[in-house]
Amino acid sequence: MSEEIIVCPKCKNKMIQGFVPSYFHNNNKISTWYEGIPKKSFLGGVDPQSEVNIPIGAFRCQNCGYIEFYGKTEYTVK
């Protein structure tokens, strides 16, 4: 996990880094932000037609439970 310290915008306590998994064909992946408007895929899901994609890190306040998402390349699976 990152050494980055993020403070909760609601109660000003420390937030803890985590992630929200995305399930695709029974494989776990990190949720990813894609540039643009989602379009329906041939199989009924979403086709992310953009080459610009960034992994999402989720931070949860250990005091109030507020969750905030950030898109940064360093949140990729290591």
N, C-alpha and C. Protein backbone atom coordinates (compact mmCIF):
# COMPACT_ATOMS: atom_id res chain seq x y z
N MET A 1 0.82 -1.18 0.00
CA MET A 1 0.00 0.00 0.00
C MET A 1 0.87 1.24 0.00
N SER A 2 0.31 2.29 -0.49
CA SER A 2 1.00 3.57 -0.60
C SER A 2 1.25 4.17 0.78
N GLU A 3 2.34 4.95 0.90
CA GLU A 3 2.64 5.67 2.12
C GLU A 3 1.92 7.02 2.15
N GLU A 4 1.12 7.29 1.15
CA GLU A 4 0.41 8.54 1.04
C GLU A 4 -0.57 8.70 2.21
N ILE A 5 -0.59 9.88 2.83
CA ILE A 5 -1.53 10.14 3.92
C ILE A 5 -2.63 11.04 3.38
N ILE A 6 -3.84 10.56 3.45
CA ILE A 6 -5.00 11.33 3.00
C ILE A 6 -5.89 11.56 4.20
N VAL A 7 -6.33 12.81 4.34
CA VAL A 7 -7.17 13.21 5.47
C VAL A 7 -8.62 13.29 4.99
N CYS A 8 -9.52 12.78 5.80
CA CYS A 8 -10.95 12.78 5.48
C CYS A 8 -11.46 14.21 5.34
N PRO A 9 -12.13 14.52 4.22
CA PRO A 9 -12.68 15.86 4.05
C PRO A 9 -13.89 16.14 4.93
N LYS A 10 -14.46 15.09 5.52
CA LYS A 10 -15.65 15.26 6.37
C LYS A 10 -15.28 15.51 7.84
N CYS A 11 -14.39 14.65 8.40
CA CYS A 11 -14.10 14.76 9.84
C CYS A 11 -12.62 14.98 10.15
N LYS A 12 -11.79 15.06 9.11
CA LYS A 12 -10.36 15.38 9.24
C LYS A 12 -9.51 14.29 9.90
N ASN A 13 -10.00 13.06 9.96
CA ASN A 13 -9.21 11.94 10.47
C ASN A 13 -8.50 11.24 9.31
N LYS A 14 -7.60 10.33 9.65
CA LYS A 14 -6.81 9.61 8.64
C LYS A 14 -7.68 8.64 7.86
N MET A 15 -7.42 8.56 6.55
CA MET A 15 -8.10 7.60 5.69
C MET A 15 -7.14 6.47 5.37
N ILE A 16 -7.67 5.26 5.25
CA ILE A 16 -6.89 4.06 4.99
C ILE A 16 -7.12 3.63 3.55
N GLN A 17 -6.02 3.29 2.85
CA GLN A 17 -6.13 2.88 1.45
C GLN A 17 -6.65 1.46 1.33
N GLY A 18 -7.47 1.24 0.32
CA GLY A 18 -7.99 -0.08 -0.03
C GLY A 18 -8.30 -0.10 -1.52
N PHE A 19 -9.16 -1.01 -1.94
CA PHE A 19 -9.56 -1.06 -3.35
C PHE A 19 -10.92 -1.71 -3.46
N VAL A 20 -11.56 -1.47 -4.61
CA VAL A 20 -12.84 -2.08 -4.91
C VAL A 20 -12.61 -3.01 -6.09
N PRO A 21 -12.75 -4.33 -5.90
CA PRO A 21 -12.49 -5.25 -7.01
C PRO A 21 -13.59 -5.16 -8.07
N SER A 22 -13.20 -5.42 -9.28
CA SER A 22 -14.13 -5.48 -10.41
C SER A 22 -14.09 -6.92 -10.91
N TYR A 23 -15.24 -7.53 -11.11
CA TYR A 23 -15.29 -8.92 -11.53
C TYR A 23 -15.64 -9.01 -13.00
N PHE A 24 -14.79 -9.67 -13.76
CA PHE A 24 -15.01 -9.82 -15.19
C PHE A 24 -14.65 -11.24 -15.58
N HIS A 25 -15.62 -12.00 -16.03
CA HIS A 25 -15.42 -13.41 -16.40
C HIS A 25 -14.71 -14.19 -15.29
N ASN A 26 -15.20 -14.03 -14.06
CA ASN A 26 -14.68 -14.72 -12.86
C ASN A 26 -13.24 -14.35 -12.51
N ASN A 27 -12.72 -13.24 -13.03
CA ASN A 27 -11.39 -12.77 -12.67
C ASN A 27 -11.51 -11.48 -11.86
N ASN A 28 -10.76 -11.40 -10.76
CA ASN A 28 -10.72 -10.16 -9.99
C ASN A 28 -9.79 -9.18 -10.66
N LYS A 29 -10.20 -7.95 -10.75
CA LYS A 29 -9.37 -6.88 -11.26
C LYS A 29 -9.60 -5.66 -10.37
N ILE A 30 -8.68 -4.70 -10.44
CA ILE A 30 -8.88 -3.44 -9.76
C ILE A 30 -9.85 -2.61 -10.59
N SER A 31 -10.79 -1.93 -9.95
CA SER A 31 -11.67 -1.05 -10.71
C SER A 31 -10.85 0.00 -11.43
N THR A 32 -11.32 0.39 -12.60
CA THR A 32 -10.56 1.29 -13.47
C THR A 32 -11.46 2.40 -13.98
N TRP A 33 -10.89 3.61 -14.05
CA TRP A 33 -11.58 4.75 -14.64
C TRP A 33 -11.23 4.82 -16.11
N TYR A 34 -12.24 4.98 -16.96
CA TYR A 34 -12.03 5.12 -18.40
C TYR A 34 -12.54 6.49 -18.84
N GLU A 35 -11.78 7.12 -19.72
CA GLU A 35 -12.19 8.41 -20.26
C GLU A 35 -13.34 8.22 -21.24
N GLY A 36 -14.31 9.13 -21.20
CA GLY A 36 -15.40 9.10 -22.17
C GLY A 36 -16.71 8.59 -21.60
N ILE A 37 -17.69 8.48 -22.47
CA ILE A 37 -19.03 8.04 -22.12
C ILE A 37 -19.14 6.54 -22.40
N PRO A 38 -19.68 5.74 -21.44
CA PRO A 38 -19.77 4.30 -21.66
C PRO A 38 -20.76 3.96 -22.78
N LYS A 39 -20.41 2.95 -23.55
CA LYS A 39 -21.26 2.46 -24.63
C LYS A 39 -21.51 0.97 -24.41
N LYS A 40 -22.70 0.52 -24.78
CA LYS A 40 -23.06 -0.88 -24.61
C LYS A 40 -22.21 -1.76 -25.51
N SER A 41 -21.71 -2.86 -24.97
CA SER A 41 -20.91 -3.80 -25.77
C SER A 41 -21.81 -4.79 -26.48
N PHE A 42 -21.21 -5.56 -27.39
CA PHE A 42 -21.92 -6.58 -28.15
C PHE A 42 -22.58 -7.61 -27.23
N LEU A 43 -21.91 -7.95 -26.11
CA LEU A 43 -22.42 -8.97 -25.19
C LEU A 43 -23.33 -8.41 -24.11
N GLY A 44 -23.66 -7.12 -24.18
CA GLY A 44 -24.60 -6.54 -23.23
C GLY A 44 -23.98 -5.81 -22.06
N GLY A 45 -22.66 -5.88 -21.91
CA GLY A 45 -22.00 -5.14 -20.84
C GLY A 45 -21.63 -3.75 -21.32
N VAL A 46 -20.50 -3.26 -20.84
CA VAL A 46 -20.02 -1.94 -21.23
C VAL A 46 -18.72 -2.10 -22.00
N ASP A 47 -18.61 -1.40 -23.11
CA ASP A 47 -17.39 -1.41 -23.91
C ASP A 47 -16.63 -0.12 -23.64
N PRO A 48 -15.48 -0.22 -22.96
CA PRO A 48 -14.78 0.99 -22.57
C PRO A 48 -14.00 1.67 -23.70
N GLN A 49 -14.34 1.71 -24.85
CA GLN A 49 -13.75 2.22 -26.06
C GLN A 49 -12.59 3.21 -25.94
N SER A 50 -12.11 3.50 -24.78
CA SER A 50 -11.02 4.47 -24.62
C SER A 50 -9.72 3.76 -24.27
N GLU A 51 -8.63 4.27 -24.81
CA GLU A 51 -7.31 3.75 -24.44
C GLU A 51 -6.79 4.41 -23.17
N VAL A 52 -7.47 5.49 -22.74
CA VAL A 52 -7.09 6.18 -21.51
C VAL A 52 -7.82 5.50 -20.36
N ASN A 53 -7.08 4.78 -19.52
CA ASN A 53 -7.68 4.13 -18.35
C ASN A 53 -6.71 4.19 -17.18
N ILE A 54 -7.25 4.41 -16.01
CA ILE A 54 -6.43 4.62 -14.80
C ILE A 54 -7.03 3.79 -13.67
N PRO A 55 -6.19 3.03 -12.93
CA PRO A 55 -6.69 2.26 -11.80
C PRO A 55 -7.22 3.18 -10.69
N ILE A 56 -8.20 2.68 -9.97
CA ILE A 56 -8.84 3.46 -8.90
C ILE A 56 -8.42 2.93 -7.54
N GLY A 57 -7.97 3.83 -6.67
CA GLY A 57 -7.69 3.50 -5.27
C GLY A 57 -8.83 4.04 -4.43
N ALA A 58 -9.26 3.29 -3.44
CA ALA A 58 -10.35 3.71 -2.56
C ALA A 58 -9.78 3.97 -1.18
N PHE A 59 -10.18 5.06 -0.58
CA PHE A 59 -9.72 5.42 0.76
C PHE A 59 -10.94 5.55 1.67
N ARG A 60 -10.87 4.90 2.84
CA ARG A 60 -11.98 4.91 3.80
C ARG A 60 -11.52 5.55 5.09
N CYS A 61 -12.33 6.47 5.61
CA CYS A 61 -12.02 7.11 6.88
C CYS A 61 -12.21 6.10 8.00
N GLN A 62 -11.19 5.96 8.84
CA GLN A 62 -11.30 5.00 9.94
C GLN A 62 -12.19 5.52 11.07
N ASN A 63 -12.60 6.78 11.02
CA ASN A 63 -13.47 7.35 12.04
C ASN A 63 -14.94 7.36 11.61
N CYS A 64 -15.25 8.01 10.48
CA CYS A 64 -16.65 8.18 10.09
C CYS A 64 -17.10 7.24 8.97
N GLY A 65 -16.15 6.55 8.30
CA GLY A 65 -16.50 5.59 7.26
C GLY A 65 -16.66 6.17 5.87
N TYR A 66 -16.46 7.46 5.72
CA TYR A 66 -16.56 8.10 4.40
C TYR A 66 -15.56 7.45 3.45
N ILE A 67 -15.98 7.20 2.20
CA ILE A 67 -15.11 6.59 1.19
C ILE A 67 -14.93 7.57 0.04
N GLU A 68 -13.67 7.68 -0.41
CA GLU A 68 -13.35 8.57 -1.53
C GLU A 68 -12.47 7.81 -2.50
N PHE A 69 -12.68 8.02 -3.79
CA PHE A 69 -11.93 7.33 -4.83
C PHE A 69 -10.96 8.29 -5.51
N TYR A 70 -9.77 7.78 -5.84
CA TYR A 70 -8.76 8.54 -6.55
C TYR A 70 -8.25 7.69 -7.71
N GLY A 71 -8.03 8.29 -8.85
CA GLY A 71 -7.48 7.59 -10.01
C GLY A 71 -6.03 7.98 -10.21
N LYS A 72 -5.12 7.01 -9.99
CA LYS A 72 -3.69 7.25 -10.16
C LYS A 72 -3.05 5.97 -10.70
N THR A 73 -2.04 6.14 -11.53
CA THR A 73 -1.38 4.97 -12.11
C THR A 73 -0.70 4.12 -11.04
N GLU A 74 -0.29 4.70 -9.92
CA GLU A 74 0.39 3.90 -8.90
C GLU A 74 -0.55 2.96 -8.14
N TYR A 75 -1.85 3.02 -8.39
CA TYR A 75 -2.79 2.09 -7.76
C TYR A 75 -2.95 0.79 -8.54
N THR A 76 -2.15 0.58 -9.55
CA THR A 76 -2.21 -0.65 -10.34
C THR A 76 -1.77 -1.84 -9.49
N VAL A 77 -2.13 -3.03 -9.89
CA VAL A 77 -1.75 -4.25 -9.17
C VAL A 77 -0.23 -4.42 -9.24
N LYS A 78 0.37 -4.73 -8.11
CA LYS A 78 1.83 -4.90 -8.05
C LYS A 78 2.20 -6.35 -7.88
